[in-house]
C-alpha atoms as a PDB file:
ATOM      1  CA  MET A   1       4.775 -14.914  15.526  1.00  0.00           C
ATOM      2  CA  ALA A   2       2.391 -15.264  12.570  1.00  0.00           C
ATOM      3  CA  GLU A   3       3.850 -16.487   9.308  1.00  0.00           C
ATOM      4  CA  ALA A   4       4.861 -13.636   7.032  1.00  0.00           C
ATOM      5  CA  MET A   5       2.735 -13.031   3.944  1.00  0.00           C
ATOM      6  CA  LEU A   6       5.312 -10.522   2.668  1.00  0.00           C
ATOM      7  CA  GLU A   7       8.924 -10.258   3.767  1.00  0.00           C
ATOM      8  CA  ALA A   8      11.864  -8.138   2.661  1.00  0.00           C
ATOM      9  CA  GLU A   9      15.322  -8.868   4.014  1.00  0.00           C
ATOM     10  CA  GLY A  10      18.448  -6.767   3.474  1.00  0.00           C
ATOM     11  CA  LEU A  11      16.863  -4.919   0.552  1.00  0.00           C
ATOM     12  CA  ARG A  12      19.143  -2.560  -1.333  1.00  0.00           C
ATOM     13  CA  ALA A  13      17.921  -0.500  -4.292  1.00  0.00           C
ATOM     14  CA  GLY A  14      18.301   2.832  -6.007  1.00  0.00           C
ATOM     15  CA  TYR A  15      18.187   4.813  -9.221  1.00  0.00           C
ATOM     16  CA  GLY A  16      21.165   4.832 -11.578  1.00  0.00           C
ATOM     17  CA  PRO A  17      24.351   5.254  -9.541  1.00  0.00           C
ATOM     18  CA  ALA A  18      22.445   6.538  -6.497  1.00  0.00           C
ATOM     19  CA  GLU A  19      21.645   3.965  -3.819  1.00  0.00           C
ATOM     20  CA  ILE A  20      18.523   4.818  -1.805  1.00  0.00           C
ATOM     21  CA  LEU A  21      17.880   1.711   0.309  1.00  0.00           C
ATOM     22  CA  PHE A  22      20.606   0.265   2.526  1.00  0.00           C
ATOM     23  CA  GLY A  23      19.511  -3.126   3.790  1.00  0.00           C
ATOM     24  CA  VAL A  24      15.793  -2.583   4.474  1.00  0.00           C
ATOM     25  CA  SER A  25      14.080  -5.478   6.258  1.00  0.00           C
ATOM     26  CA  LEU A  26      10.380  -5.719   7.084  1.00  0.00           C
ATOM     27  CA  ARG A  27       7.636  -8.299   7.332  1.00  0.00           C
ATOM     28  CA  LEU A  28       3.867  -8.320   6.988  1.00  0.00           C
ATOM     29  CA  ALA A  29       1.534 -11.034   8.251  1.00  0.00           C
ATOM     30  CA  ARG A  30      -1.799 -11.989   6.697  1.00  0.00           C
ATOM     31  CA  GLY A  31      -4.464  -9.494   7.713  1.00  0.00           C
ATOM     32  CA  GLU A  32      -1.909  -7.126   9.261  1.00  0.00           C
ATOM     33  CA  VAL A  33      -1.650  -3.418   8.469  1.00  0.00           C
ATOM     34  CA  ALA A  34       1.848  -1.952   8.679  1.00  0.00           C
ATOM     35  CA  ALA A  35       2.801   1.674   8.131  1.00  0.00           C
ATOM     36  CA  LEU A  36       6.171   2.578   6.630  1.00  0.00           C
ATOM     37  CA  MET A  37       6.795   6.082   7.906  1.00  0.00           C
ATOM     38  CA  GLY A  38       9.475   8.672   7.380  1.00  0.00           C
ATOM     39  CA  ARG A  39      10.277  12.118   6.085  1.00  0.00           C
ATOM     40  CA  ASN A  40      10.213  13.076   2.414  1.00  0.00           C
ATOM     41  CA  GLY A  41      13.086  11.350   0.612  1.00  0.00           C
ATOM     42  CA  ALA A  42      13.621   8.759   3.349  1.00  0.00           C
ATOM     43  CA  GLY A  43      13.005   5.838   0.975  1.00  0.00           C
ATOM     44  CA  LYS A  44       9.342   4.942   1.553  1.00  0.00           C
ATOM     45  CA  SER A  45       8.189   4.920  -2.078  1.00  0.00           C
ATOM     46  CA  THR A  46      11.449   3.322  -3.217  1.00  0.00           C
ATOM     47  CA  THR A  47      10.869   0.457  -0.781  1.00  0.00           C
ATOM     48  CA  LEU A  48       7.405  -0.230  -2.211  1.00  0.00           C
ATOM     49  CA  LYS A  49       8.680   0.003  -5.790  1.00  0.00           C
ATOM     50  CA  ALA A  50      11.542  -2.390  -5.050  1.00  0.00           C
ATOM     51  CA  ILE A  51       9.151  -4.904  -3.477  1.00  0.00           C
ATOM     52  CA  MET A  52       6.824  -4.623  -6.490  1.00  0.00           C
ATOM     53  CA  GLY A  53       9.651  -5.078  -8.986  1.00  0.00           C
ATOM     54  CA  LEU A  54       9.375  -1.589 -10.463  1.00  0.00           C
ATOM     55  CA  ILE A  55      12.969  -1.035  -9.353  1.00  0.00           C
ATOM     56  CA  PRO A  56      15.153  -4.165  -9.533  1.00  0.00           C
ATOM     57  CA  PRO A  57      16.677  -4.820  -6.090  1.00  0.00           C
ATOM     58  CA  ARG A  58      20.472  -4.687  -6.079  1.00  0.00           C
ATOM     59  CA  ALA A  59      20.723  -7.038  -3.112  1.00  0.00           C
ATOM     60  CA  GLY A  60      18.532  -8.734  -0.564  1.00  0.00           C
ATOM     61  CA  ARG A  61      15.530 -10.998  -0.661  1.00  0.00           C
ATOM     62  CA  VAL A  62      11.806 -10.420  -1.133  1.00  0.00           C
ATOM     63  CA  ARG A  63       9.362 -13.228  -0.409  1.00  0.00           C
ATOM     64  CA  PHE A  64       5.623 -13.180  -0.987  1.00  0.00           C
ATOM     65  CA  ALA A  65       3.323 -16.032   0.026  1.00  0.00           C
ATOM     66  CA  GLY A  66       6.353 -18.271   0.499  1.00  0.00           C
ATOM     67  CA  ARG A  67       7.885 -17.506  -2.895  1.00  0.00           C
ATOM     68  CA  ASP A  68      10.984 -15.495  -3.796  1.00  0.00           C
ATOM     69  CA  ILE A  69       9.869 -12.614  -6.005  1.00  0.00           C
ATOM     70  CA  ALA A  70      12.959 -10.387  -6.115  1.00  0.00           C
ATOM     71  CA  GLY A  71      13.826  -9.752  -9.743  1.00  0.00           C
ATOM     72  CA  LEU A  72      10.454 -10.811 -11.155  1.00  0.00           C
ATOM     73  CA  PRO A  73       8.708  -8.317 -13.468  1.00  0.00           C
ATOM     74  CA  PRO A  74       5.848  -6.355 -11.861  1.00  0.00           C
ATOM     75  CA  PHE A  75       3.100  -8.040 -13.901  1.00  0.00           C
ATOM     76  CA  ARG A  76       4.153 -11.474 -12.616  1.00  0.00           C
ATOM     77  CA  ILE A  77       4.284 -10.224  -9.033  1.00  0.00           C
ATOM     78  CA  ALA A  78       0.783  -8.784  -9.452  1.00  0.00           C
ATOM     79  CA  ARG A  79      -0.492 -12.112 -10.813  1.00  0.00           C
ATOM     80  CA  LEU A  80       0.826 -13.833  -7.684  1.00  0.00           C
ATOM     81  CA  GLY A  81      -1.576 -11.676  -5.654  1.00  0.00           C
ATOM     82  CA  LEU A  82       0.353  -8.579  -4.604  1.00  0.00           C
ATOM     83  CA  GLY A  83      -1.557  -5.379  -5.395  1.00  0.00           C
ATOM     84  CA  TYR A  84       0.027  -1.938  -5.717  1.00  0.00           C
ATOM     85  CA  VAL A  85      -1.542   1.514  -5.652  1.00  0.00           C
ATOM     86  CA  PRO A  86       1.051   4.122  -6.662  1.00  0.00           C
ATOM     87  CA  GLU A  87       1.133   7.634  -5.296  1.00  0.00           C
ATOM     88  CA  ASP A  88       0.034   9.042  -8.666  1.00  0.00           C
ATOM     89  CA  ARG A  89      -2.915   6.548  -8.873  1.00  0.00           C
ATOM     90  CA  ARG A  90      -2.564   5.855 -12.635  1.00  0.00           C
ATOM     91  CA  ILE A  91      -6.240   5.293 -13.264  1.00  0.00           C
ATOM     92  CA  PHE A  92      -7.595   5.422 -16.813  1.00  0.00           C
ATOM     93  CA  THR A  93      -9.089   8.905 -16.978  1.00  0.00           C
ATOM     94  CA  ASP A  94     -10.894   8.299 -20.287  1.00  0.00           C
ATOM     95  CA  LEU A  95     -12.762   5.318 -18.825  1.00  0.00           C
ATOM     96  CA  THR A  96     -15.725   5.363 -16.461  1.00  0.00           C
ATOM     97  CA  VAL A  97     -15.592   4.113 -12.884  1.00  0.00           C
ATOM     98  CA  ALA A  98     -17.225   0.828 -13.926  1.00  0.00           C
ATOM     99  CA  GLU A  99     -14.803   0.400 -16.833  1.00  0.00           C
ATOM    100  CA  ASN A 100     -11.787   1.067 -14.606  1.00  0.00           C
ATOM    101  CA  LEU A 101     -12.996  -1.643 -12.238  1.00  0.00           C
ATOM    102  CA  GLU A 102     -13.417  -4.118 -15.088  1.00  0.00           C
ATOM    103  CA  VAL A 103      -9.839  -3.475 -16.197  1.00  0.00           C
ATOM    104  CA  GLY A 104      -8.653  -4.638 -12.770  1.00  0.00           C
ATOM    105  CA  ARG A 105     -10.802  -7.784 -12.578  1.00  0.00           C
ATOM    106  CA  ARG A 106      -9.004 -11.076 -11.959  1.00  0.00           C
ATOM    107  CA  PRO A 107     -10.429 -14.349 -10.642  1.00  0.00           C
ATOM    108  CA  ALA A 108     -10.350 -15.010  -6.918  1.00  0.00           C
ATOM    109  CA  GLU A 109      -8.585 -18.039  -5.500  1.00  0.00           C
ATOM    110  CA  GLY A 110      -9.949 -19.460  -2.270  1.00  0.00           C
ATOM    111  CA  ARG A 111     -11.856 -16.358  -1.208  1.00  0.00           C
ATOM    112  CA  ASP A 112     -15.008 -14.446  -2.060  1.00  0.00           C
ATOM    113  CA  ALA A 113     -14.298 -12.381  -5.140  1.00  0.00           C
ATOM    114  CA  TRP A 114     -14.452  -8.616  -4.992  1.00  0.00           C
ATOM    115  CA  THR A 115     -17.219  -7.315  -7.202  1.00  0.00           C
ATOM    116  CA  PRO A 116     -18.257  -3.744  -8.056  1.00  0.00           C
ATOM    117  CA  GLU A 117     -21.235  -4.177  -5.725  1.00  0.00           C
ATOM    118  CA  ARG A 118     -19.031  -5.164  -2.769  1.00  0.00           C
ATOM    119  CA  LEU A 119     -16.650  -2.323  -3.524  1.00  0.00           C
ATOM    120  CA  PHE A 120     -19.489   0.189  -3.664  1.00  0.00           C
ATOM    121  CA  GLU A 121     -20.271  -0.835  -0.078  1.00  0.00           C
ATOM    122  CA  VAL A 122     -16.694   0.019   0.892  1.00  0.00           C
ATOM    123  CA  PHE A 123     -16.585   3.193  -1.242  1.00  0.00           C
ATOM    124  CA  PRO A 124     -20.183   4.470  -1.329  1.00  0.00           C
ATOM    125  CA  ASN A 125     -19.103   7.625  -3.170  1.00  0.00           C
ATOM    126  CA  LEU A 126     -18.208   5.514  -6.190  1.00  0.00           C
ATOM    127  CA  ALA A 127     -21.645   3.905  -6.435  1.00  0.00           C
ATOM    128  CA  SER A 128     -23.276   7.074  -7.721  1.00  0.00           C
ATOM    129  CA  MET A 129     -20.370   7.672 -10.109  1.00  0.00           C
ATOM    130  CA  ARG A 130     -20.186   4.291 -11.819  1.00  0.00           C
ATOM    131  CA  HIS A 131     -20.869   5.839 -15.234  1.00  0.00           C
ATOM    132  CA  ARG A 132     -18.713   8.934 -14.690  1.00  0.00           C
ATOM    133  CA  ARG A 133     -15.413   9.290 -16.504  1.00  0.00           C
ATOM    134  CA  ALA A 134     -12.516   9.227 -14.070  1.00  0.00           C
ATOM    135  CA  ALA A 135     -11.232  12.534 -15.456  1.00  0.00           C
ATOM    136  CA  ALA A 136     -14.297  14.235 -13.949  1.00  0.00           C
ATOM    137  CA  MET A 137     -13.580  12.965 -10.420  1.00  0.00           C
ATOM    138  CA  SER A 138     -11.824  14.731  -7.559  1.00  0.00           C
ATOM    139  CA  GLY A 139      -8.399  13.603  -6.395  1.00  0.00           C
ATOM    140  CA  GLY A 140      -9.883  11.835  -3.387  1.00  0.00           C
ATOM    141  CA  GLU A 141     -12.445  10.051  -5.535  1.00  0.00           C
ATOM    142  CA  GLN A 142      -9.694   8.977  -7.929  1.00  0.00           C
ATOM    143  CA  GLN A 143      -7.725   7.610  -4.980  1.00  0.00           C
ATOM    144  CA  MET A 144     -10.711   5.528  -3.894  1.00  0.00           C
ATOM    145  CA  LEU A 145     -11.106   4.271  -7.461  1.00  0.00           C
ATOM    146  CA  ALA A 146      -7.426   3.318  -7.654  1.00  0.00           C
ATOM    147  CA  ILE A 147      -7.748   1.194  -4.515  1.00  0.00           C
ATOM    148  CA  ALA A 148     -11.053  -0.314  -5.656  1.00  0.00           C
ATOM    149  CA  ARG A 149      -9.550  -1.240  -9.030  1.00  0.00           C
ATOM    150  CA  THR A 150      -6.633  -2.959  -7.268  1.00  0.00           C
ATOM    151  CA  LEU A 151      -9.047  -4.924  -5.068  1.00  0.00           C
ATOM    152  CA  MET A 152     -10.858  -6.145  -8.191  1.00  0.00           C
ATOM    153  CA  GLY A 153      -7.719  -8.201  -8.792  1.00  0.00           C
ATOM    154  CA  ASN A 154      -8.445 -10.084  -5.523  1.00  0.00           C
ATOM    155  CA  PRO A 155      -4.976  -9.582  -4.029  1.00  0.00           C
ATOM    156  CA  GLU A 156      -3.653 -11.300  -0.911  1.00  0.00           C
ATOM    157  CA  ALA A 157      -1.695  -8.167   0.026  1.00  0.00           C
ATOM    158  CA  VAL A 158      -1.723  -4.534  -1.069  1.00  0.00           C
ATOM    159  CA  LEU A 159       0.993  -1.866  -1.147  1.00  0.00           C
ATOM    160  CA  LEU A 160      -0.439   1.656  -0.756  1.00  0.00           C
ATOM    161  CA  ASP A 161       1.868   4.577  -1.515  1.00  0.00           C
ATOM    162  CA  GLU A 162       0.848   7.724   0.402  1.00  0.00           C
ATOM    163  CA  PRO A 163      -2.905   6.941   0.324  1.00  0.00           C
ATOM    164  CA  SER A 164      -3.888   9.935   2.488  1.00  0.00           C
ATOM    165  CA  GLU A 165      -1.887  12.626   0.694  1.00  0.00           C
ATOM    166  CA  GLY A 166      -3.955  15.704  -0.141  1.00  0.00           C
ATOM    167  CA  LEU A 167      -7.282  14.210   0.913  1.00  0.00           C
ATOM    168  CA  ALA A 168     -10.081  16.119   2.624  1.00  0.00           C
ATOM    169  CA  PRO A 169     -10.969  14.934   6.162  1.00  0.00           C
ATOM    170  CA  VAL A 170     -14.225  13.294   5.057  1.00  0.00           C
ATOM    171  CA  ILE A 171     -12.394  11.294   2.358  1.00  0.00           C
ATOM    172  CA  LEU A 172      -9.648  10.413   4.848  1.00  0.00           C
ATOM    173  CA  GLU A 173     -12.252   8.796   7.069  1.00  0.00           C
ATOM    174  CA  LEU A 174     -13.571   6.721   4.156  1.00  0.00           C
ATOM    175  CA  MET A 175     -10.012   5.732   3.277  1.00  0.00           C
ATOM    176  CA  ALA A 176      -9.319   4.581   6.842  1.00  0.00           C
ATOM    177  CA  ASP A 177     -12.542   2.553   6.809  1.00  0.00           C
ATOM    178  CA  ALA A 178     -11.445   0.927   3.538  1.00  0.00           C
ATOM    179  CA  VAL A 179      -8.046  -0.086   4.944  1.00  0.00           C
ATOM    180  CA  LEU A 180      -9.702  -1.571   8.031  1.00  0.00           C
ATOM    181  CA  ARG A 181     -12.157  -3.450   5.796  1.00  0.00           C
ATOM    182  CA  MET A 182      -9.218  -4.952   3.897  1.00  0.00           C
ATOM    183  CA  LYS A 183      -7.734  -6.032   7.221  1.00  0.00           C
ATOM    184  CA  ARG A 184     -10.998  -7.717   8.227  1.00  0.00           C
ATOM    185  CA  GLU A 185     -11.026  -9.539   4.889  1.00  0.00           C
ATOM    186  CA  GLY A 186      -7.591 -10.985   5.709  1.00  0.00           C
ATOM    187  CA  ILE A 187      -5.695  -8.798   3.240  1.00  0.00           C
ATOM    188  CA  ALA A 188      -2.247  -7.689   4.365  1.00  0.00           C
ATOM    189  CA  VAL A 189      -1.625  -3.960   3.826  1.00  0.00           C
ATOM    190  CA  LEU A 190       1.692  -2.119   3.731  1.00  0.00           C
ATOM    191  CA  LEU A 191       1.242   1.624   3.389  1.00  0.00           C
ATOM    192  CA  SER A 192       3.851   4.311   3.081  1.00  0.00           C
ATOM    193  CA  GLU A 193       2.573   7.309   4.976  1.00  0.00           C
ATOM    194  CA  GLN A 194       3.507  10.684   6.423  1.00  0.00           C
ATOM    195  CA  ASN A 195       0.166  11.434   8.086  1.00  0.00           C
ATOM    196  CA  PHE A 196       0.765  10.023  11.565  1.00  0.00           C
ATOM    197  CA  ASP A 197      -2.852  10.311  12.713  1.00  0.00           C
ATOM    198  CA  PHE A 198      -4.049   8.354   9.680  1.00  0.00           C
ATOM    199  CA  ALA A 199      -1.392   5.678  10.158  1.00  0.00           C
ATOM    200  CA  ALA A 200      -2.186   5.384  13.868  1.00  0.00           C
ATOM    201  CA  ALA A 201      -5.881   4.898  13.068  1.00  0.00           C
ATOM    202  CA  VAL A 202      -5.304   1.863  10.834  1.00  0.00           C
ATOM    203  CA  ALA A 203      -1.880   0.283  11.440  1.00  0.00           C
ATOM    204  CA  ASP A 204      -0.906  -2.517  13.814  1.00  0.00           C
ATOM    205  CA  ARG A 205       2.816  -2.196  13.190  1.00  0.00           C
ATOM    206  CA  ALA A 206       5.081   0.696  12.274  1.00  0.00           C
ATOM    207  CA  TYR A 207       8.396   0.898  10.505  1.00  0.00           C
ATOM    208  CA  VAL A 208      10.268   4.195  10.500  1.00  0.00           C
ATOM    209  CA  ILE A 209      12.742   4.638   7.670  1.00  0.00           C
ATOM    210  CA  GLU A 210      15.431   7.301   7.606  1.00  0.00           C
ATOM    211  CA  ARG A 211      18.047   7.723   4.868  1.00  0.00           C
ATOM    212  CA  GLY A 212      17.221   4.305   3.482  1.00  0.00           C
ATOM    213  CA  GLU A 213      17.531   2.383   6.747  1.00  0.00           C
ATOM    214  CA  ILE A 214      14.868   1.133   9.166  1.00  0.00           C
ATOM    215  CA  ARG A 215      15.250   3.015  12.455  1.00  0.00           C
ATOM    216  CA  TYR A 216      12.170   1.684  14.242  1.00  0.00           C
ATOM    217  CA  ASP A 217      10.371  -1.635  13.977  1.00  0.00           C
ATOM    218  CA  GLY A 218       7.583  -2.177  16.480  1.00  0.00           C
ATOM    219  CA  SER A 219       3.955  -1.701  17.334  1.00  0.00           C
ATOM    220  CA  MET A 220       2.134   1.421  16.246  1.00  0.00           C
ATOM    221  CA  ALA A 221       0.814   1.773  19.801  1.00  0.00           C
ATOM    222  CA  ALA A 222       4.367   1.960  21.177  1.00  0.00           C
ATOM    223  CA  LEU A 223       5.375   4.574  18.597  1.00  0.00           C
ATOM    224  CA  GLU A 224       2.250   6.566  19.359  1.00  0.00           C
ATOM    225  CA  ALA A 225       3.114   6.499  23.068  1.00  0.00           C
ATOM    226  CA  ASP A 226       6.693   7.759  22.524  1.00  0.00           C
ATOM    227  CA  PRO A 227       6.667  11.423  21.462  1.00  0.00           C
ATOM    228  CA  ALA A 228      10.457  11.666  21.761  1.00  0.00           C
ATOM    229  CA  LEU A 229      10.917   8.853  19.230  1.00  0.00           C
ATOM    230  CA  ARG A 230       8.439  10.452  16.853  1.00  0.00           C
ATOM    231  CA  ALA A 231      10.166  13.813  17.168  1.00  0.00           C
ATOM    232  CA  GLN A 232      13.552  12.207  16.459  1.00  0.00           C
ATOM    233  CA  HIS A 233      12.551  10.422  13.270  1.00  0.00           C
ATOM    234  CA  LEU A 234       9.303  11.924  11.955  1.00  0.00           C
ATOM    235  CA  SER A 235       9.267  15.648  12.717  1.00  0.00           C
ATOM    236  CA  LEU A 236      10.270  18.032   9.942  1.00  0.00           C
END
């Protein structure tokens, strides 16, 4: 089995007195795409936030690139090379596309650096908008910009929270292409996702979370081939 780039073991976390995660364990190898799937409220976004340090884990271990990161502040985790694209994108709407990308720029270590020109190849829609303020972009365009800005930090792994939510089919296709490009570049990607077709198009591995516990850990192909399992854990 390939060495894990990102690993969570026995992760417990929550908000105030409410515990949301009950011993979540998952792993992500370099260049692997894994989908964390589940119904609304199952704990997908909480898992990503706990890994990223936005919610301090109450128990368990998180390792990234061989280093324990549980309890570190998010900015330090980001500097270690773990990128995060939240569900609400959090781009700077008063800045242009080009300015948003510059905000995310960090030097590359041991790999070809992402540049605006390389990113415009991945997200061609952004190329013609480089001088447009982000406030004047559609939701799908803002989602592409949020991912592009994260890649400007030259991460080793990226957490994507619901990247396909609310996107038109043509933008979904561009988003899938972008995730597969990250995979080819050796970037590990963990995405929380409810759109099964999108997840099946990009992911190697699937985790299904239900009520804060992992109920399935295996290949995406096996989950795709088991409609009974999908109906048990993923249907509304």
